[in-house]
């Protein structure tokens, strides 16, 4: 079985149950992301260090003007 098939997916508690979110799964060696509107499409994966850098940058407001 593919590791993504058995992944436990999480989405933000701020999503209010909407289906327009990004879900995240923390796997053995990567962090996977997918779009809740189209879960069968390609999943993006990141090294844990890359994911942490993204989360830190977002928390610091680096993407607020996008």
PDB file of N, CA and C in Angstrom:
ATOM      1  N   UNK A   1       0.839  -1.189   0.000  1.00  0.00           N
ATOM      2  CA  UNK A   1       0.000   0.000   0.000  1.00  0.00           C
ATOM      3  C   UNK A   1       0.884   1.253   0.000  1.00  0.00           C
ATOM      4  N   UNK A   2       0.518   2.191  -0.791  1.00  0.00           N
ATOM      5  CA  UNK A   2       1.185   3.479  -0.881  1.00  0.00           C
ATOM      6  C   UNK A   2       1.023   4.240   0.439  1.00  0.00           C
ATOM      7  N   UNK A   3       2.086   4.882   0.896  1.00  0.00           N
ATOM      8  CA  UNK A   3       2.031   5.629   2.162  1.00  0.00           C
ATOM      9  C   UNK A   3       0.973   6.739   2.128  1.00  0.00           C
ATOM     10  N   UNK A   4       0.759   7.364   0.958  1.00  0.00           N
ATOM     11  CA  UNK A   4      -0.254   8.410   0.854  1.00  0.00           C
ATOM     12  C   UNK A   4      -1.670   7.860   1.001  1.00  0.00           C
ATOM     13  N   UNK A   5      -1.888   6.614   0.589  1.00  0.00           N
ATOM     14  CA  UNK A   5      -3.218   6.005   0.698  1.00  0.00           C
ATOM     15  C   UNK A   5      -3.640   5.798   2.150  1.00  0.00           C
ATOM     16  N   UNK A   6      -2.679   5.594   3.029  1.00  0.00           N
ATOM     17  CA  UNK A   6      -2.994   5.371   4.438  1.00  0.00           C
ATOM     18  C   UNK A   6      -2.712   6.602   5.305  1.00  0.00           C
ATOM     19  N   UNK A   7      -2.400   7.721   4.671  1.00  0.00           N
ATOM     20  CA  UNK A   7      -2.057   8.938   5.412  1.00  0.00           C
ATOM     21  C   UNK A   7      -3.255   9.472   6.192  1.00  0.00           C
ATOM     22  N   UNK A   8      -2.956  10.082   7.311  1.00  0.00           N
ATOM     23  CA  UNK A   8      -3.965  10.784   8.101  1.00  0.00           C
ATOM     24  C   UNK A   8      -3.841  12.260   7.743  1.00  0.00           C
ATOM     25  N   UNK A   9      -4.899  12.813   7.152  1.00  0.00           N
ATOM     26  CA  UNK A   9      -4.888  14.183   6.648  1.00  0.00           C
ATOM     27  C   UNK A   9      -5.515  15.138   7.654  1.00  0.00           C
ATOM     28  N   UNK A  10      -4.935  16.337   7.758  1.00  0.00           N
ATOM     29  CA  UNK A  10      -5.420  17.378   8.655  1.00  0.00           C
ATOM     30  C   UNK A  10      -5.679  18.639   7.854  1.00  0.00           C
ATOM     31  N   UNK A  11      -6.655  19.432   8.291  1.00  0.00           N
ATOM     32  CA  UNK A  11      -6.832  20.768   7.716  1.00  0.00           C
ATOM     33  C   UNK A  11      -7.032  21.748   8.855  1.00  0.00           C
ATOM     34  N   UNK A  12      -6.890  22.989   8.562  1.00  0.00           N
ATOM     35  CA  UNK A  12      -6.964  24.028   9.578  1.00  0.00           C
ATOM     36  C   UNK A  12      -8.303  24.016  10.294  1.00  0.00           C
ATOM     37  N   UNK A  13      -8.255  24.259  11.577  1.00  0.00           N
ATOM     38  CA  UNK A  13      -9.501  24.379  12.347  1.00  0.00           C
ATOM     39  C   UNK A  13     -10.268  25.625  11.936  1.00  0.00           C
ATOM     40  N   UNK A  14      -9.618  26.523  11.232  1.00  0.00           N
ATOM     41  CA  UNK A  14     -10.267  27.740  10.745  1.00  0.00           C
ATOM     42  C   UNK A  14     -10.993  27.541   9.427  1.00  0.00           C
ATOM     43  N   UNK A  15     -11.007  26.329   8.920  1.00  0.00           N
ATOM     44  CA  UNK A  15     -11.641  26.063   7.623  1.00  0.00           C
ATOM     45  C   UNK A  15     -13.161  26.071   7.710  1.00  0.00           C
ATOM     46  N   UNK A  16     -13.716  25.995   8.908  1.00  0.00           N
ATOM     47  CA  UNK A  16     -15.169  26.023   9.121  1.00  0.00           C
ATOM     48  C   UNK A  16     -15.903  24.950   8.328  1.00  0.00           C
ATOM     49  N   UNK A  17     -15.262  23.808   8.116  1.00  0.00           N
ATOM     50  CA  UNK A  17     -15.914  22.712   7.411  1.00  0.00           C
ATOM     51  C   UNK A  17     -16.018  22.904   5.910  1.00  0.00           C
ATOM     52  N   UNK A  18     -15.437  23.949   5.381  1.00  0.00           N
ATOM     53  CA  UNK A  18     -15.490  24.207   3.947  1.00  0.00           C
ATOM     54  C   UNK A  18     -14.594  23.221   3.202  1.00  0.00           C
ATOM     55  N   UNK A  19     -14.892  23.017   1.943  1.00  0.00           N
ATOM     56  CA  UNK A  19     -14.105  22.100   1.110  1.00  0.00           C
ATOM     57  C   UNK A  19     -13.127  22.863   0.230  1.00  0.00           C
ATOM     58  N   UNK A  20     -12.726  24.019   0.650  1.00  0.00           N
ATOM     59  CA  UNK A  20     -11.777  24.816  -0.131  1.00  0.00           C
ATOM     60  C   UNK A  20     -10.545  25.091   0.714  1.00  0.00           C
ATOM     61  N   UNK A  21      -9.872  24.017   1.083  1.00  0.00           N
ATOM     62  CA  UNK A  21      -8.739  24.106   1.990  1.00  0.00           C
ATOM     63  C   UNK A  21      -7.580  23.279   1.458  1.00  0.00           C
ATOM     64  N   UNK A  22      -6.476  23.437   2.118  1.00  0.00           N
ATOM     65  CA  UNK A  22      -5.322  22.582   1.886  1.00  0.00           C
ATOM     66  C   UNK A  22      -5.233  21.639   3.073  1.00  0.00           C
ATOM     67  N   UNK A  23      -5.053  20.369   2.788  1.00  0.00           N
ATOM     68  CA  UNK A  23      -4.865  19.377   3.839  1.00  0.00           C
ATOM     69  C   UNK A  23      -3.396  18.992   3.900  1.00  0.00           C
ATOM     70  N   UNK A  24      -2.952  18.599   5.079  1.00  0.00           N
ATOM     71  CA  UNK A  24      -1.555  18.248   5.308  1.00  0.00           C
ATOM     72  C   UNK A  24      -1.492  16.881   5.974  1.00  0.00           C
ATOM     73  N   UNK A  25      -0.530  16.070   5.549  1.00  0.00           N
ATOM     74  CA  UNK A  25      -0.268  14.779   6.190  1.00  0.00           C
ATOM     75  C   UNK A  25       1.216  14.709   6.519  1.00  0.00           C
ATOM     76  N   UNK A  26       1.512  14.347   7.749  1.00  0.00           N
ATOM     77  CA  UNK A  26       2.899  14.210   8.191  1.00  0.00           C
ATOM     78  C   UNK A  26       3.284  12.737   8.087  1.00  0.00           C
ATOM     79  N   UNK A  27       4.113  12.435   7.085  1.00  0.00           N
ATOM     80  CA  UNK A  27       4.512  11.060   6.803  1.00  0.00           C
ATOM     81  C   UNK A  27       5.912  10.803   7.352  1.00  0.00           C
ATOM     82  N   UNK A  28       6.430   9.620   7.130  1.00  0.00           N
ATOM     83  CA  UNK A  28       7.725   9.225   7.706  1.00  0.00           C
ATOM     84  C   UNK A  28       8.848  10.206   7.349  1.00  0.00           C
ATOM     85  N   UNK A  29       8.993  10.531   6.068  1.00  0.00           N
ATOM     86  CA  UNK A  29      10.116  11.359   5.639  1.00  0.00           C
ATOM     87  C   UNK A  29       9.718  12.657   4.960  1.00  0.00           C
ATOM     88  N   UNK A  30       8.429  12.879   4.774  1.00  0.00           N
ATOM     89  CA  UNK A  30       7.962  14.067   4.056  1.00  0.00           C
ATOM     90  C   UNK A  30       6.689  14.605   4.686  1.00  0.00           C
ATOM     91  N   UNK A  31       6.362  15.828   4.302  1.00  0.00           N
ATOM     92  CA  UNK A  31       5.071  16.428   4.628  1.00  0.00           C
ATOM     93  C   UNK A  31       4.329  16.550   3.303  1.00  0.00           C
ATOM     94  N   UNK A  32       3.156  15.949   3.225  1.00  0.00           N
ATOM     95  CA  UNK A  32       2.371  15.957   1.988  1.00  0.00           C
ATOM     96  C   UNK A  32       1.231  16.963   2.110  1.00  0.00           C
ATOM     97  N   UNK A  33       0.876  17.588   0.996  1.00  0.00           N
ATOM     98  CA  UNK A  33      -0.244  18.519   0.960  1.00  0.00           C
ATOM     99  C   UNK A  33      -1.150  18.163  -0.206  1.00  0.00           C
ATOM    100  N   UNK A  34      -2.442  18.501  -0.059  1.00  0.00           N
ATOM    101  CA  UNK A  34      -3.387  18.281  -1.162  1.00  0.00           C
ATOM    102  C   UNK A  34      -4.543  19.264  -1.031  1.00  0.00           C
ATOM    103  N   UNK A  35      -5.259  19.443  -2.113  1.00  0.00           N
ATOM    104  CA  UNK A  35      -6.409  20.333  -2.181  1.00  0.00           C
ATOM    105  C   UNK A  35      -7.663  19.541  -1.850  1.00  0.00           C
ATOM    106  N   UNK A  36      -8.472  20.013  -0.907  1.00  0.00           N
ATOM    107  CA  UNK A  36      -9.671  19.273  -0.514  1.00  0.00           C
ATOM    108  C   UNK A  36     -10.719  19.221  -1.617  1.00  0.00           C
ATOM    109  N   UNK A  37     -10.678  20.153  -2.571  1.00  0.00           N
ATOM    110  CA  UNK A  37     -11.656  20.145  -3.657  1.00  0.00           C
ATOM    111  C   UNK A  37     -11.383  19.041  -4.665  1.00  0.00           C
ATOM    112  N   UNK A  38     -10.140  18.577  -4.726  1.00  0.00           N
ATOM    113  CA  UNK A  38      -9.776  17.575  -5.730  1.00  0.00           C
ATOM    114  C   UNK A  38      -8.716  16.656  -5.147  1.00  0.00           C
ATOM    115  N   UNK A  39      -9.132  15.798  -4.263  1.00  0.00           N
ATOM    116  CA  UNK A  39      -8.200  14.938  -3.529  1.00  0.00           C
ATOM    117  C   UNK A  39      -7.514  13.888  -4.398  1.00  0.00           C
ATOM    118  N   UNK A  40      -8.011  13.666  -5.595  1.00  0.00           N
ATOM    119  CA  UNK A  40      -7.406  12.668  -6.478  1.00  0.00           C
ATOM    120  C   UNK A  40      -6.277  13.241  -7.328  1.00  0.00           C
ATOM    121  N   UNK A  41      -6.120  14.538  -7.314  1.00  0.00           N
ATOM    122  CA  UNK A  41      -5.049  15.157  -8.105  1.00  0.00           C
ATOM    123  C   UNK A  41      -3.706  14.951  -7.424  1.00  0.00           C
ATOM    124  N   UNK A  42      -2.682  15.390  -8.088  1.00  0.00           N
ATOM    125  CA  UNK A  42      -1.325  15.238  -7.572  1.00  0.00           C
ATOM    126  C   UNK A  42      -1.175  15.880  -6.199  1.00  0.00           C
ATOM    127  N   UNK A  43      -0.407  15.237  -5.361  1.00  0.00           N
ATOM    128  CA  UNK A  43      -0.108  15.726  -4.029  1.00  0.00           C
ATOM    129  C   UNK A  43       1.299  16.312  -4.050  1.00  0.00           C
ATOM    130  N   UNK A  44       1.464  17.446  -3.412  1.00  0.00           N
ATOM    131  CA  UNK A  44       2.792  18.047  -3.293  1.00  0.00           C
ATOM    132  C   UNK A  44       3.427  17.557  -2.004  1.00  0.00           C
ATOM    133  N   UNK A  45       4.705  17.211  -2.073  1.00  0.00           N
ATOM    134  CA  UNK A  45       5.418  16.763  -0.881  1.00  0.00           C
ATOM    135  C   UNK A  45       6.638  17.638  -0.639  1.00  0.00           C
ATOM    136  N   UNK A  46       6.945  17.818   0.614  1.00  0.00           N
ATOM    137  CA  UNK A  46       8.058  18.675   1.026  1.00  0.00           C
ATOM    138  C   UNK A  46       8.884  17.960   2.084  1.00  0.00           C
ATOM    139  N   UNK A  47      10.173  18.260   2.103  1.00  0.00           N
ATOM    140  CA  UNK A  47      11.012  17.794   3.199  1.00  0.00           C
ATOM    141  C   UNK A  47      10.543  18.508   4.464  1.00  0.00           C
ATOM    142  N   UNK A  48      10.637  17.869   5.621  1.00  0.00           N
ATOM    143  CA  UNK A  48      10.185  18.511   6.853  1.00  0.00           C
ATOM    144  C   UNK A  48      10.806  19.901   7.082  1.00  0.00           C
ATOM    145  N   UNK A  49      12.065  20.061   6.709  1.00  0.00           N
ATOM    146  CA  UNK A  49      12.725  21.363   6.875  1.00  0.00           C
ATOM    147  C   UNK A  49      12.099  22.423   5.971  1.00  0.00           C
ATOM    148  N   UNK A  50      11.739  22.030   4.757  1.00  0.00           N
ATOM    149  CA  UNK A  50      11.081  22.964   3.839  1.00  0.00           C
ATOM    150  C   UNK A  50       9.719  23.371   4.382  1.00  0.00           C
ATOM    151  N   UNK A  51       8.966  22.412   4.900  1.00  0.00           N
ATOM    152  CA  UNK A  51       7.646  22.709   5.445  1.00  0.00           C
ATOM    153  C   UNK A  51       7.767  23.663   6.634  1.00  0.00           C
ATOM    154  N   UNK A  52       8.721  23.408   7.520  1.00  0.00           N
ATOM    155  CA  UNK A  52       8.906  24.262   8.686  1.00  0.00           C
ATOM    156  C   UNK A  52       9.290  25.678   8.264  1.00  0.00           C
ATOM    157  N   UNK A  53      10.124  25.804   7.245  1.00  0.00           N
ATOM    158  CA  UNK A  53      10.498  27.134   6.744  1.00  0.00           C
ATOM    159  C   UNK A  53       9.276  27.864   6.201  1.00  0.00           C
ATOM    160  N   UNK A  54       8.406  27.161   5.496  1.00  0.00           N
ATOM    161  CA  UNK A  54       7.175  27.763   4.981  1.00  0.00           C
ATOM    162  C   UNK A  54       6.273  28.220   6.126  1.00  0.00           C
ATOM    163  N   UNK A  55       6.040  27.345   7.097  1.00  0.00           N
ATOM    164  CA  UNK A  55       5.159  27.677   8.227  1.00  0.00           C
ATOM    165  C   UNK A  55       5.713  28.873   8.998  1.00  0.00           C
ATOM    166  N   UNK A  56       7.009  28.898   9.229  1.00  0.00           N
ATOM    167  CA  UNK A  56       7.639  30.017   9.939  1.00  0.00           C
ATOM    168  C   UNK A  56       7.474  31.311   9.160  1.00  0.00           C
ATOM    169  N   UNK A  57       7.710  31.268   7.855  1.00  0.00           N
ATOM    170  CA  UNK A  57       7.567  32.467   7.018  1.00  0.00           C
ATOM    171  C   UNK A  57       6.131  32.966   7.006  1.00  0.00           C
ATOM    172  N   UNK A  58       5.184  32.043   6.928  1.00  0.00           N
ATOM    173  CA  UNK A  58       3.765  32.437   6.944  1.00  0.00           C
ATOM    174  C   UNK A  58       3.401  33.087   8.279  1.00  0.00           C
ATOM    175  N   UNK A  59       3.870  32.520   9.367  1.00  0.00           N
ATOM    176  CA  UNK A  59       3.586  33.072  10.691  1.00  0.00           C
ATOM    177  C   UNK A  59       4.195  34.464  10.865  1.00  0.00           C
ATOM    178  N   UNK A  60       5.285  34.709  10.189  1.00  0.00           N
ATOM    179  CA  UNK A  60       5.952  36.012  10.272  1.00  0.00           C
ATOM    180  C   UNK A  60       5.356  37.032   9.303  1.00  0.00           C
ATOM    181  N   UNK A  61       4.350  36.620   8.535  1.00  0.00           N
ATOM    182  CA  UNK A  61       3.656  37.539   7.642  1.00  0.00           C
ATOM    183  C   UNK A  61       4.315  37.746   6.286  1.00  0.00           C
ATOM    184  N   UNK A  62       5.245  36.905   5.918  1.00  0.00           N
ATOM    185  CA  UNK A  62       5.963  37.083   4.652  1.00  0.00           C
ATOM    186  C   UNK A  62       5.081  36.948   3.418  1.00  0.00           C
ATOM    187  N   UNK A  63       3.918  36.337   3.540  1.00  0.00           N
ATOM    188  CA  UNK A  63       3.034  36.127   2.398  1.00  0.00           C
ATOM    189  C   UNK A  63       1.764  36.981   2.464  1.00  0.00           C
ATOM    190  N   UNK A  64       1.703  37.887   3.404  1.00  0.00           N
ATOM    191  CA  UNK A  64       0.484  38.672   3.615  1.00  0.00           C
ATOM    192  C   UNK A  64       0.126  39.566   2.436  1.00  0.00           C
ATOM    193  N   UNK A  65       1.078  39.983   1.642  1.00  0.00           N
ATOM    194  CA  UNK A  65       0.810  40.888   0.525  1.00  0.00           C
ATOM    195  C   UNK A  65       0.525  40.149  -0.781  1.00  0.00           C
ATOM    196  N   UNK A  66       0.448  38.850  -0.729  1.00  0.00           N
ATOM    197  CA  UNK A  66       0.242  38.081  -1.963  1.00  0.00           C
ATOM    198  C   UNK A  66      -1.225  38.031  -2.335  1.00  0.00           C
TER     199      UNK A  66
END
